[in-house]
Amino acid sequence: MDIATFRKMFPAYSDSQTFSNEMIEMWLDVANVHLKKGWSLSGKTYEHAIMLMLAHLLHSVAKTSSGNAESGPAGIVTSATEGSVSVSFATPTTKDAWEFWLASSPYGLQLWALLQQLGTGGLFIGGLPERSAVRKVGGVFL
């Protein structure tokens, strides 16, 4: 992946003082741990996905390293009390921890949408294509 292209595509990370090339390369290695090339995630699609994952990771790093970062849970506050401090958060509208984690940044949401598109594509392996939508019961095609 070309770092100059990444900086152009994601201007939030164009400052080379805050986000050095070494830092980007280090987090790129982490991004490569999360995403692997495959038959559906290859070529330009893989490059775009890895850039989105890198931007998501850098967003998380920038958020936690800033003075405004919250160390507690994130989410929508449903109720809060002041005396004896009580805060309630809404249940995440995600199916699993991976989706919840990706939903913590706009780049993660874009990556999730891309991965969902790739994961729901139609695919038929083996047999005759015209039989892909019919069931064979007792030797008779319905």
N, C-alpha and C. Protein backbone atom coordinates (compact mmCIF):
# COMPACT_ATOMS: atom_id res chain seq x y z
N MET A 1 0.84 -1.17 0.00
CA MET A 1 0.00 0.00 0.00
C MET A 1 0.89 1.24 0.00
N ASP A 2 0.49 2.22 -0.79
CA ASP A 2 1.23 3.46 -0.90
C ASP A 2 0.73 4.45 0.15
N ILE A 3 1.63 4.92 1.00
CA ILE A 3 1.23 5.83 2.09
C ILE A 3 0.75 7.17 1.55
N ALA A 4 1.36 7.66 0.47
CA ALA A 4 0.93 8.94 -0.12
C ALA A 4 -0.51 8.84 -0.61
N THR A 5 -0.87 7.73 -1.22
CA THR A 5 -2.25 7.51 -1.67
C THR A 5 -3.19 7.45 -0.47
N PHE A 6 -2.76 6.79 0.59
CA PHE A 6 -3.57 6.71 1.81
C PHE A 6 -3.82 8.10 2.37
N ARG A 7 -2.78 8.93 2.41
CA ARG A 7 -2.93 10.29 2.95
C ARG A 7 -3.86 11.14 2.09
N LYS A 8 -3.84 10.92 0.77
CA LYS A 8 -4.76 11.65 -0.12
C LYS A 8 -6.20 11.18 0.08
N MET A 9 -6.37 9.89 0.23
CA MET A 9 -7.71 9.34 0.37
C MET A 9 -8.33 9.68 1.73
N PHE A 10 -7.50 9.77 2.75
CA PHE A 10 -7.96 10.08 4.10
C PHE A 10 -7.21 11.31 4.62
N PRO A 11 -7.69 12.51 4.26
CA PRO A 11 -6.99 13.74 4.64
C PRO A 11 -6.85 13.96 6.15
N ALA A 12 -7.64 13.29 6.94
CA ALA A 12 -7.50 13.41 8.40
C ALA A 12 -6.13 12.93 8.87
N TYR A 13 -5.47 12.12 8.06
CA TYR A 13 -4.16 11.57 8.42
C TYR A 13 -3.05 12.11 7.53
N SER A 14 -3.25 13.30 6.95
CA SER A 14 -2.26 13.88 6.05
C SER A 14 -1.12 14.56 6.81
N ASP A 15 -1.30 14.86 8.08
CA ASP A 15 -0.26 15.51 8.88
C ASP A 15 0.83 14.50 9.22
N SER A 16 2.00 14.66 8.60
CA SER A 16 3.08 13.69 8.81
C SER A 16 3.77 13.87 10.15
N GLN A 17 3.50 14.98 10.85
CA GLN A 17 4.05 15.14 12.20
C GLN A 17 3.27 14.28 13.20
N THR A 18 1.96 14.34 13.10
CA THR A 18 1.12 13.56 14.01
C THR A 18 1.10 12.09 13.63
N PHE A 19 0.98 11.83 12.33
CA PHE A 19 0.91 10.45 11.82
C PHE A 19 2.12 10.21 10.92
N SER A 20 3.23 9.81 11.52
CA SER A 20 4.46 9.59 10.75
C SER A 20 4.33 8.35 9.87
N ASN A 21 5.20 8.27 8.87
CA ASN A 21 5.19 7.10 7.98
C ASN A 21 5.45 5.82 8.77
N GLU A 22 6.34 5.91 9.77
CA GLU A 22 6.65 4.73 10.59
C GLU A 22 5.41 4.27 11.37
N MET A 23 4.68 5.24 11.89
CA MET A 23 3.46 4.90 12.63
C MET A 23 2.43 4.26 11.72
N ILE A 24 2.27 4.82 10.53
CA ILE A 24 1.31 4.27 9.56
C ILE A 24 1.72 2.86 9.16
N GLU A 25 3.01 2.65 8.93
CA GLU A 25 3.48 1.31 8.55
C GLU A 25 3.26 0.30 9.68
N MET A 26 3.47 0.75 10.92
CA MET A 26 3.25 -0.14 12.06
C MET A 26 1.78 -0.55 12.14
N TRP A 27 0.87 0.41 12.02
CA TRP A 27 -0.55 0.10 12.10
C TRP A 27 -1.04 -0.62 10.85
N LEU A 28 -0.34 -0.45 9.73
CA LEU A 28 -0.66 -1.22 8.53
C LEU A 28 -0.41 -2.71 8.77
N ASP A 29 0.67 -3.01 9.49
CA ASP A 29 0.93 -4.41 9.85
C ASP A 29 -0.21 -4.98 10.70
N VAL A 30 -0.73 -4.18 11.62
CA VAL A 30 -1.86 -4.61 12.45
C VAL A 30 -3.10 -4.80 11.58
N ALA A 31 -3.32 -3.88 10.64
CA ALA A 31 -4.47 -3.99 9.74
C ALA A 31 -4.40 -5.28 8.93
N ASN A 32 -3.20 -5.66 8.53
CA ASN A 32 -3.02 -6.90 7.76
C ASN A 32 -3.30 -8.14 8.61
N VAL A 33 -3.22 -8.02 9.92
CA VAL A 33 -3.58 -9.13 10.80
C VAL A 33 -5.10 -9.32 10.79
N HIS A 34 -5.83 -8.21 10.73
CA HIS A 34 -7.30 -8.27 10.77
C HIS A 34 -7.92 -8.70 9.45
N LEU A 35 -7.31 -8.33 8.34
CA LEU A 35 -7.87 -8.65 7.02
C LEU A 35 -6.90 -9.48 6.22
N LYS A 36 -7.39 -10.48 5.57
CA LYS A 36 -6.58 -11.34 4.71
C LYS A 36 -7.15 -11.35 3.31
N LYS A 37 -6.26 -11.47 2.33
CA LYS A 37 -6.71 -11.58 0.94
C LYS A 37 -7.41 -12.91 0.74
N GLY A 38 -8.40 -12.89 -0.11
CA GLY A 38 -9.14 -14.10 -0.43
C GLY A 38 -9.74 -13.96 -1.81
N TRP A 39 -10.55 -14.94 -2.21
CA TRP A 39 -11.12 -14.89 -3.56
C TRP A 39 -12.09 -13.72 -3.72
N SER A 40 -12.76 -13.31 -2.65
CA SER A 40 -13.69 -12.18 -2.77
C SER A 40 -13.05 -10.87 -2.33
N LEU A 41 -11.98 -10.92 -1.57
CA LEU A 41 -11.29 -9.73 -1.10
C LEU A 41 -9.89 -9.72 -1.70
N SER A 42 -9.80 -9.17 -2.91
CA SER A 42 -8.53 -9.16 -3.62
C SER A 42 -8.44 -7.92 -4.49
N GLY A 43 -7.25 -7.68 -5.02
CA GLY A 43 -7.05 -6.55 -5.93
C GLY A 43 -7.37 -5.21 -5.29
N LYS A 44 -8.05 -4.37 -6.07
CA LYS A 44 -8.39 -3.02 -5.59
C LYS A 44 -9.35 -3.06 -4.40
N THR A 45 -10.20 -4.06 -4.35
CA THR A 45 -11.12 -4.19 -3.23
C THR A 45 -10.34 -4.42 -1.94
N TYR A 46 -9.32 -5.27 -2.00
CA TYR A 46 -8.48 -5.52 -0.83
C TYR A 46 -7.73 -4.26 -0.43
N GLU A 47 -7.16 -3.56 -1.42
CA GLU A 47 -6.42 -2.32 -1.13
C GLU A 47 -7.32 -1.30 -0.43
N HIS A 48 -8.55 -1.16 -0.93
CA HIS A 48 -9.48 -0.22 -0.32
C HIS A 48 -9.85 -0.68 1.10
N ALA A 49 -10.10 -1.96 1.26
CA ALA A 49 -10.46 -2.50 2.58
C ALA A 49 -9.32 -2.31 3.58
N ILE A 50 -8.09 -2.54 3.15
CA ILE A 50 -6.96 -2.41 4.07
C ILE A 50 -6.74 -0.95 4.45
N MET A 51 -7.01 -0.02 3.50
CA MET A 51 -6.92 1.40 3.83
C MET A 51 -8.00 1.81 4.82
N LEU A 52 -9.21 1.28 4.65
CA LEU A 52 -10.28 1.57 5.60
C LEU A 52 -9.95 1.01 6.99
N MET A 53 -9.39 -0.19 7.04
CA MET A 53 -9.01 -0.77 8.33
C MET A 53 -7.91 0.05 8.98
N LEU A 54 -6.94 0.48 8.19
CA LEU A 54 -5.86 1.32 8.71
C LEU A 54 -6.41 2.64 9.24
N ALA A 55 -7.31 3.27 8.50
CA ALA A 55 -7.92 4.53 8.95
C ALA A 55 -8.71 4.30 10.24
N HIS A 56 -9.40 3.17 10.33
CA HIS A 56 -10.16 2.83 11.54
C HIS A 56 -9.22 2.69 12.73
N LEU A 57 -8.12 1.98 12.54
CA LEU A 57 -7.16 1.79 13.63
C LEU A 57 -6.54 3.12 14.05
N LEU A 58 -6.17 3.96 13.08
CA LEU A 58 -5.59 5.26 13.40
C LEU A 58 -6.60 6.16 14.10
N HIS A 59 -7.86 6.06 13.70
CA HIS A 59 -8.91 6.82 14.37
C HIS A 59 -9.00 6.42 15.84
N SER A 60 -8.93 5.12 16.10
CA SER A 60 -8.97 4.63 17.48
C SER A 60 -7.76 5.10 18.28
N VAL A 61 -6.59 5.08 17.64
CA VAL A 61 -5.36 5.51 18.31
C VAL A 61 -5.44 7.00 18.63
N ALA A 62 -5.88 7.80 17.65
CA ALA A 62 -5.97 9.24 17.85
C ALA A 62 -6.99 9.58 18.94
N LYS A 63 -8.08 8.82 18.97
CA LYS A 63 -9.14 9.06 19.95
C LYS A 63 -8.66 8.74 21.37
N THR A 64 -7.93 7.65 21.52
CA THR A 64 -7.48 7.26 22.86
C THR A 64 -6.27 8.04 23.32
N SER A 65 -5.46 8.57 22.39
CA SER A 65 -4.27 9.31 22.79
C SER A 65 -4.56 10.79 23.03
N SER A 66 -5.72 11.28 22.59
CA SER A 66 -6.06 12.68 22.82
C SER A 66 -6.51 12.87 24.27
N GLY A 67 -6.43 14.11 24.73
CA GLY A 67 -6.84 14.41 26.09
C GLY A 67 -8.33 14.28 26.31
N ASN A 68 -9.11 14.23 25.24
CA ASN A 68 -10.56 14.14 25.34
C ASN A 68 -11.07 12.71 25.36
N ALA A 69 -10.17 11.76 25.31
CA ALA A 69 -10.60 10.36 25.23
C ALA A 69 -11.25 9.92 26.53
N GLU A 70 -12.27 9.11 26.40
CA GLU A 70 -12.94 8.54 27.56
C GLU A 70 -12.43 7.13 27.76
N SER A 71 -12.12 6.79 28.98
CA SER A 71 -11.62 5.45 29.23
C SER A 71 -12.73 4.46 29.51
N GLY A 72 -13.95 4.95 29.72
CA GLY A 72 -15.07 4.08 30.05
C GLY A 72 -15.76 3.55 28.81
N PRO A 73 -16.92 2.95 29.01
CA PRO A 73 -17.66 2.37 27.89
C PRO A 73 -18.19 3.46 26.96
N ALA A 74 -18.46 3.06 25.74
CA ALA A 74 -19.00 3.99 24.75
C ALA A 74 -20.40 3.53 24.36
N GLY A 75 -21.16 4.45 23.86
CA GLY A 75 -22.51 4.13 23.42
C GLY A 75 -23.47 5.24 23.74
N ILE A 76 -24.73 4.98 23.51
CA ILE A 76 -25.77 5.97 23.75
C ILE A 76 -26.19 5.88 25.21
N VAL A 77 -26.13 7.01 25.90
CA VAL A 77 -26.54 7.05 27.30
C VAL A 77 -28.06 7.08 27.35
N THR A 78 -28.65 6.11 28.04
CA THR A 78 -30.12 6.06 28.15
C THR A 78 -30.61 6.70 29.43
N SER A 79 -29.81 6.65 30.48
CA SER A 79 -30.19 7.33 31.72
C SER A 79 -28.93 7.65 32.52
N ALA A 80 -29.02 8.71 33.29
CA ALA A 80 -27.90 9.11 34.13
C ALA A 80 -28.43 9.77 35.40
N THR A 81 -27.83 9.47 36.52
CA THR A 81 -28.18 10.13 37.77
C THR A 81 -26.93 10.75 38.35
N GLU A 82 -27.09 11.75 39.14
CA GLU A 82 -25.93 12.45 39.68
C GLU A 82 -25.54 11.96 41.07
N GLY A 83 -26.52 11.84 41.97
CA GLY A 83 -26.23 11.34 43.31
C GLY A 83 -25.85 9.88 43.27
N SER A 84 -24.71 9.51 43.79
CA SER A 84 -24.15 8.16 43.76
C SER A 84 -23.84 7.70 42.33
N VAL A 85 -23.77 8.58 41.40
CA VAL A 85 -23.36 8.39 40.00
C VAL A 85 -23.80 7.06 39.40
N SER A 86 -24.78 7.10 38.56
CA SER A 86 -25.29 5.92 37.86
C SER A 86 -25.52 6.29 36.40
N VAL A 87 -24.93 5.55 35.50
CA VAL A 87 -25.08 5.79 34.07
C VAL A 87 -25.50 4.48 33.40
N SER A 88 -26.49 4.55 32.52
CA SER A 88 -26.93 3.37 31.77
C SER A 88 -26.74 3.63 30.28
N PHE A 89 -26.22 2.63 29.59
CA PHE A 89 -25.99 2.72 28.16
C PHE A 89 -26.95 1.81 27.42
N ALA A 90 -27.30 2.20 26.20
CA ALA A 90 -28.16 1.38 25.36
C ALA A 90 -27.40 0.16 24.88
N THR A 91 -28.10 -0.91 24.68
CA THR A 91 -27.49 -2.11 24.12
C THR A 91 -27.08 -1.81 22.68
N PRO A 92 -25.87 -2.19 22.30
CA PRO A 92 -25.43 -1.90 20.93
C PRO A 92 -26.35 -2.58 19.91
N THR A 93 -26.57 -1.90 18.81
CA THR A 93 -27.43 -2.46 17.76
C THR A 93 -26.61 -3.31 16.79
N THR A 94 -25.59 -3.92 17.29
CA THR A 94 -24.73 -4.75 16.47
C THR A 94 -24.91 -6.21 16.86
N LYS A 95 -24.52 -7.10 15.95
CA LYS A 95 -24.71 -8.53 16.18
C LYS A 95 -23.58 -9.15 17.00
N ASP A 96 -22.38 -8.58 16.87
CA ASP A 96 -21.24 -9.17 17.55
C ASP A 96 -20.20 -8.10 17.88
N ALA A 97 -19.15 -8.52 18.57
CA ALA A 97 -18.11 -7.59 19.01
C ALA A 97 -17.35 -6.98 17.83
N TRP A 98 -17.13 -7.76 16.78
CA TRP A 98 -16.43 -7.27 15.59
C TRP A 98 -17.20 -6.10 14.97
N GLU A 99 -18.49 -6.26 14.80
CA GLU A 99 -19.31 -5.19 14.22
C GLU A 99 -19.38 -3.99 15.16
N PHE A 100 -19.46 -4.23 16.47
CA PHE A 100 -19.49 -3.15 17.45
C PHE A 100 -18.20 -2.34 17.39
N TRP A 101 -17.07 -3.04 17.30
CA TRP A 101 -15.77 -2.37 17.23
C TRP A 101 -15.65 -1.56 15.95
N LEU A 102 -16.07 -2.12 14.82
CA LEU A 102 -16.01 -1.37 13.56
C LEU A 102 -16.95 -0.17 13.57
N ALA A 103 -18.03 -0.25 14.33
CA ALA A 103 -18.99 0.85 14.38
C ALA A 103 -18.47 2.04 15.18
N SER A 104 -17.29 1.92 15.78
CA SER A 104 -16.76 3.01 16.59
C SER A 104 -16.09 4.10 15.78
N SER A 105 -16.00 3.94 14.47
CA SER A 105 -15.45 5.00 13.61
C SER A 105 -16.17 5.01 12.27
N PRO A 106 -16.17 6.15 11.58
CA PRO A 106 -16.81 6.18 10.26
C PRO A 106 -16.11 5.27 9.25
N TYR A 107 -14.80 5.10 9.42
CA TYR A 107 -14.05 4.24 8.51
C TYR A 107 -14.40 2.77 8.75
N GLY A 108 -14.58 2.41 10.00
CA GLY A 108 -15.00 1.05 10.33
C GLY A 108 -16.37 0.73 9.78
N LEU A 109 -17.28 1.71 9.83
CA LEU A 109 -18.61 1.50 9.26
C LEU A 109 -18.54 1.29 7.75
N GLN A 110 -17.68 2.05 7.08
CA GLN A 110 -17.51 1.87 5.63
C GLN A 110 -16.94 0.49 5.34
N LEU A 111 -15.97 0.08 6.14
CA LEU A 111 -15.37 -1.25 5.96
C LEU A 111 -16.42 -2.34 6.20
N TRP A 112 -17.23 -2.18 7.23
CA TRP A 112 -18.27 -3.16 7.52
C TRP A 112 -19.24 -3.28 6.35
N ALA A 113 -19.63 -2.14 5.78
CA ALA A 113 -20.54 -2.15 4.63
C ALA A 113 -19.90 -2.87 3.45
N LEU A 114 -18.61 -2.61 3.21
CA LEU A 114 -17.91 -3.28 2.11
C LEU A 114 -17.84 -4.79 2.34
N LEU A 115 -17.50 -5.19 3.55
CA LEU A 115 -17.41 -6.62 3.85
C LEU A 115 -18.76 -7.31 3.76
N GLN A 116 -19.82 -6.61 4.15
CA GLN A 116 -21.17 -7.16 4.04
C GLN A 116 -21.54 -7.39 2.57
N GLN A 117 -21.18 -6.44 1.71
CA GLN A 117 -21.47 -6.61 0.28
C GLN A 117 -20.76 -7.83 -0.27
N LEU A 118 -19.50 -8.01 0.13
CA LEU A 118 -18.73 -9.15 -0.37
C LEU A 118 -19.25 -10.46 0.20
N GLY A 119 -19.74 -10.42 1.43
CA GLY A 119 -20.19 -11.64 2.09
C GLY A 119 -21.56 -12.12 1.66
N THR A 120 -22.36 -11.26 1.05
CA THR A 120 -23.71 -11.64 0.67
C THR A 120 -23.87 -11.86 -0.82
N GLY A 121 -22.78 -11.82 -1.55
CA GLY A 121 -22.86 -12.00 -3.00
C GLY A 121 -23.31 -13.40 -3.35
N GLY A 122 -24.02 -13.54 -4.45
CA GLY A 122 -24.49 -14.84 -4.89
C GLY A 122 -23.35 -15.69 -5.43
N LEU A 123 -23.34 -16.94 -5.09
CA LEU A 123 -22.30 -17.84 -5.55
C LEU A 123 -22.89 -19.24 -5.62
N PHE A 124 -22.61 -19.93 -6.73
CA PHE A 124 -23.07 -21.30 -6.87
C PHE A 124 -21.89 -22.15 -7.27
N ILE A 125 -21.64 -23.21 -6.54
CA ILE A 125 -20.51 -24.09 -6.82
C ILE A 125 -21.04 -25.47 -7.16
N GLY A 126 -20.61 -26.00 -8.29
CA GLY A 126 -20.96 -27.35 -8.68
C GLY A 126 -22.34 -27.49 -9.28
N GLY A 127 -22.54 -28.58 -10.01
CA GLY A 127 -23.84 -28.85 -10.62
C GLY A 127 -24.12 -27.93 -11.79
N LEU A 128 -25.31 -28.04 -12.28
CA LEU A 128 -25.72 -27.20 -13.40
C LEU A 128 -26.31 -25.89 -12.87
N PRO A 129 -25.92 -24.76 -13.44
CA PRO A 129 -26.41 -23.48 -12.93
C PRO A 129 -27.92 -23.35 -12.94
N GLU A 130 -28.58 -23.95 -13.93
CA GLU A 130 -30.04 -23.82 -14.00
C GLU A 130 -30.73 -24.60 -12.89
N ARG A 131 -30.02 -25.52 -12.23
CA ARG A 131 -30.61 -26.29 -11.14
C ARG A 131 -30.34 -25.66 -9.77
N SER A 132 -29.67 -24.53 -9.73
CA SER A 132 -29.30 -23.93 -8.45
C SER A 132 -30.50 -23.49 -7.63
N ALA A 133 -31.62 -23.24 -8.28
CA ALA A 133 -32.80 -22.76 -7.56
C ALA A 133 -33.88 -23.82 -7.39
N VAL A 134 -33.58 -25.07 -7.78
CA VAL A 134 -34.58 -26.13 -7.66
C VAL A 134 -34.09 -27.23 -6.74
N ARG A 135 -35.01 -27.87 -6.07
CA ARG A 135 -34.70 -28.96 -5.17
C ARG A 135 -34.94 -30.30 -5.85
N LYS A 136 -34.08 -31.24 -5.58
CA LYS A 136 -34.28 -32.60 -6.09
C LYS A 136 -34.80 -33.44 -4.93
N VAL A 137 -36.01 -33.96 -5.09
CA VAL A 137 -36.64 -34.79 -4.05
C VAL A 137 -37.00 -36.12 -4.68
N GLY A 138 -36.41 -37.18 -4.18
CA GLY A 138 -36.74 -38.52 -4.67
C GLY A 138 -36.47 -38.69 -6.15
N GLY A 139 -35.41 -38.08 -6.67
CA GLY A 139 -35.06 -38.22 -8.08
C GLY A 139 -35.86 -37.33 -9.00
N VAL A 140 -36.78 -36.55 -8.47
CA VAL A 140 -37.61 -35.66 -9.28
C VAL A 140 -37.26 -34.21 -8.94
N PHE A 141 -37.00 -33.42 -9.98
CA PHE A 141 -36.72 -32.01 -9.75
C PHE A 141 -38.02 -31.24 -9.65
N LEU A 142 -38.19 -30.48 -8.61
CA LEU A 142 -39.40 -29.69 -8.41
C LEU A 142 -39.24 -28.30 -8.96
